[in-house]
N, C-alpha and C. Protein backbone atom coordinates (compact mmCIF):
# COMPACT_ATOMS: atom_id res chain seq x y z
N UNK A 1 10.26 12.23 2.46
CA UNK A 1 10.31 11.31 2.87
C UNK A 1 11.06 10.78 3.19
N UNK A 2 11.24 10.24 4.36
CA UNK A 2 11.75 8.50 4.95
C UNK A 2 12.10 7.46 3.94
N UNK A 3 13.37 7.29 4.20
CA UNK A 3 13.54 6.03 3.29
C UNK A 3 14.23 4.64 3.74
N UNK A 4 14.45 4.80 5.15
CA UNK A 4 14.80 3.27 6.15
C UNK A 4 13.44 2.77 6.01
N UNK A 5 13.43 2.76 7.43
CA UNK A 5 12.68 1.72 8.69
C UNK A 5 10.84 2.36 8.50
N UNK A 6 9.77 1.29 8.74
CA UNK A 6 8.89 1.35 8.54
C UNK A 6 8.48 1.56 9.31
N UNK A 7 7.29 3.32 9.56
CA UNK A 7 6.89 3.32 10.51
C UNK A 7 5.46 2.56 11.24
N UNK A 8 4.58 2.90 12.11
CA UNK A 8 3.74 2.45 12.94
C UNK A 8 2.24 2.32 11.92
N UNK A 9 2.28 3.57 11.22
CA UNK A 9 1.34 4.71 10.23
C UNK A 9 1.27 3.26 8.57
N UNK A 10 2.84 3.50 8.28
CA UNK A 10 3.06 2.35 6.96
C UNK A 10 2.52 0.76 7.32
N UNK A 11 2.87 0.43 8.79
CA UNK A 11 2.63 -0.84 8.65
C UNK A 11 1.35 -0.79 8.22
N UNK A 12 0.35 -0.33 9.84
CA UNK A 12 -1.56 -0.06 9.22
C UNK A 12 -1.42 -0.04 7.51
N UNK A 13 -1.18 0.70 6.40
CA UNK A 13 -1.32 0.60 5.63
C UNK A 13 -1.04 -0.37 4.61
N UNK A 14 0.12 -0.73 4.73
CA UNK A 14 0.42 -1.60 4.55
C UNK A 14 -0.97 -3.38 5.07
N UNK A 15 -0.70 -3.20 6.00
CA UNK A 15 -2.14 -4.51 6.21
C UNK A 15 -3.20 -4.63 6.47
N UNK A 16 -3.74 -3.21 6.36
CA UNK A 16 -4.60 -2.25 5.17
C UNK A 16 -5.16 -2.84 4.02
N UNK A 17 -3.34 -2.16 2.67
CA UNK A 17 -4.15 -2.63 1.27
C UNK A 17 -4.65 -4.44 1.60
N UNK A 18 -4.17 -5.09 2.44
CA UNK A 18 -3.72 -7.13 1.70
C UNK A 18 -5.38 -7.17 2.39
N UNK A 19 -5.84 -6.37 2.99
CA UNK A 19 -7.51 -6.84 3.60
C UNK A 19 -8.60 -5.89 2.21
N UNK A 20 -8.27 -5.25 1.16
CA UNK A 20 -8.94 -4.74 0.52
C UNK A 20 -8.92 -5.42 -0.80
N UNK A 21 -9.97 -5.05 -1.34
CA UNK A 21 -10.01 -5.84 -2.74
C UNK A 21 -10.25 -4.12 -3.79
N UNK A 22 -10.12 -3.27 -3.58
CA UNK A 22 -10.35 -2.08 -3.96
C UNK A 22 -8.76 -1.18 -4.57
N UNK A 23 -8.09 -1.06 -5.71
CA UNK A 23 -7.33 -0.68 -5.93
C UNK A 23 -7.29 1.07 -5.51
N UNK A 24 -8.33 1.59 -6.25
CA UNK A 24 -8.82 2.98 -5.53
C UNK A 24 -7.98 3.63 -4.04
N UNK A 25 -8.54 2.26 -2.77
CA UNK A 25 -7.79 2.40 -1.89
C UNK A 25 -6.34 2.14 -1.46
N UNK A 26 -6.32 1.58 -2.63
CA UNK A 26 -4.60 1.13 -2.17
C UNK A 26 -3.97 2.99 -2.87
N UNK A 27 -3.90 2.82 -4.41
CA UNK A 27 -4.16 4.80 -4.24
C UNK A 27 -3.42 5.54 -3.40
N UNK A 28 -5.20 6.32 -2.72
CA UNK A 28 -4.91 6.70 -0.98
C UNK A 28 -4.10 6.71 -0.63
N UNK A 29 -3.95 5.15 -0.44
CA UNK A 29 -2.53 4.84 1.05
C UNK A 29 -0.94 5.28 1.16
N UNK A 30 -1.23 5.19 -0.80
CA UNK A 30 0.11 5.23 -2.15
C UNK A 30 0.00 7.24 -1.24
N UNK A 31 -0.45 7.30 -0.78
CA UNK A 31 -0.37 9.07 -1.72
C UNK A 31 0.02 9.75 0.19
N UNK A 32 -0.93 8.74 1.82
CA UNK A 32 0.13 8.76 2.86
C UNK A 32 0.95 8.09 2.76
N UNK A 33 2.33 7.08 2.41
CA UNK A 33 2.91 6.43 3.22
C UNK A 33 3.83 7.49 2.93
N UNK A 34 4.54 7.34 4.27
CA UNK A 34 5.42 8.74 4.34
C UNK A 34 6.87 7.43 4.24
N UNK A 35 7.75 6.57 3.87
CA UNK A 35 8.53 6.29 2.81
C UNK A 35 8.42 5.98 1.69
N UNK A 36 9.75 5.85 0.42
CA UNK A 36 9.52 4.99 0.22
C UNK A 36 9.21 3.74 0.07
N UNK A 37 9.54 2.93 0.73
CA UNK A 37 9.48 1.27 0.44
C UNK A 37 7.63 0.89 0.60
N UNK A 38 7.50 2.29 1.66
CA UNK A 38 5.74 2.06 1.69
C UNK A 38 5.86 1.63 -0.08
N UNK A 39 5.25 3.12 -0.14
CA UNK A 39 5.17 3.33 -1.73
C UNK A 39 4.94 2.19 -2.60
N UNK A 40 6.82 1.69 -2.49
CA UNK A 40 6.59 0.24 -3.60
C UNK A 40 6.03 -0.72 -2.62
N UNK A 41 6.24 -1.44 -1.70
CA UNK A 41 5.05 -2.23 -1.09
C UNK A 41 3.32 -2.21 -1.80
N UNK A 42 3.08 -1.25 -2.07
CA UNK A 42 2.06 -1.00 -2.22
C UNK A 42 1.33 -0.59 -3.40
N UNK A 43 2.64 -0.52 -4.19
CA UNK A 43 2.43 -0.95 -5.70
C UNK A 43 2.30 -2.02 -5.69
N UNK A 44 3.26 -2.83 -5.30
CA UNK A 44 3.32 -4.18 -5.41
C UNK A 44 1.67 -4.88 -5.40
N UNK A 45 1.13 -4.41 -3.92
CA UNK A 45 0.58 -4.97 -3.95
C UNK A 45 -0.67 -4.75 -4.81
N UNK A 46 -0.83 -3.37 -5.22
CA UNK A 46 -1.69 -3.25 -6.59
C UNK A 46 -2.19 -3.70 -7.24
N UNK A 47 -0.81 -4.45 -7.46
CA UNK A 47 -0.37 -4.72 -9.12
C UNK A 47 -0.26 -6.31 -9.06
N UNK A 48 -0.91 -7.11 -7.71
CA UNK A 48 -0.30 -8.15 -7.59
C UNK A 48 -2.11 -8.27 -8.74
N UNK A 49 -1.27 -9.87 -9.88
CA UNK A 49 -2.05 -10.46 -11.18
C UNK A 49 -3.11 -11.53 -10.16
N UNK A 50 -3.22 -11.81 -8.89
CA UNK A 50 -3.62 -12.48 -8.70
C UNK A 50 -5.15 -12.23 -7.92
N UNK A 51 -5.04 -11.02 -7.81
CA UNK A 51 -6.20 -10.00 -7.04
C UNK A 51 -7.58 -10.33 -7.36
N UNK A 52 -8.31 -10.57 -6.83
CA UNK A 52 -10.15 -10.00 -7.93
C UNK A 52 -10.20 -9.14 -7.24
N UNK A 53 -9.85 -7.82 -8.10
CA UNK A 53 -9.98 -6.52 -7.69
C UNK A 53 -11.85 -6.52 -8.10
N UNK A 54 -12.13 -5.21 -7.43
CA UNK A 54 -13.56 -4.52 -6.90
C UNK A 54 -13.32 -3.76 -8.85
N UNK A 55 -14.69 -3.25 -9.55
CA UNK A 55 -14.33 -2.25 -10.54
C UNK A 55 -14.69 -1.56 -9.77
């Protein structure tokens, strides 16, 4: 797994994560992420208490 630069794929995953209200979707995105930085960003989005998550 790469650690430095975000790939276009990861940037797309992050954009999608900001537009979803389903944590399960973000969990899938975390599995698809190419970098640790993307994993951390996606986990941060998923753990955001201000989002009204769907069940």
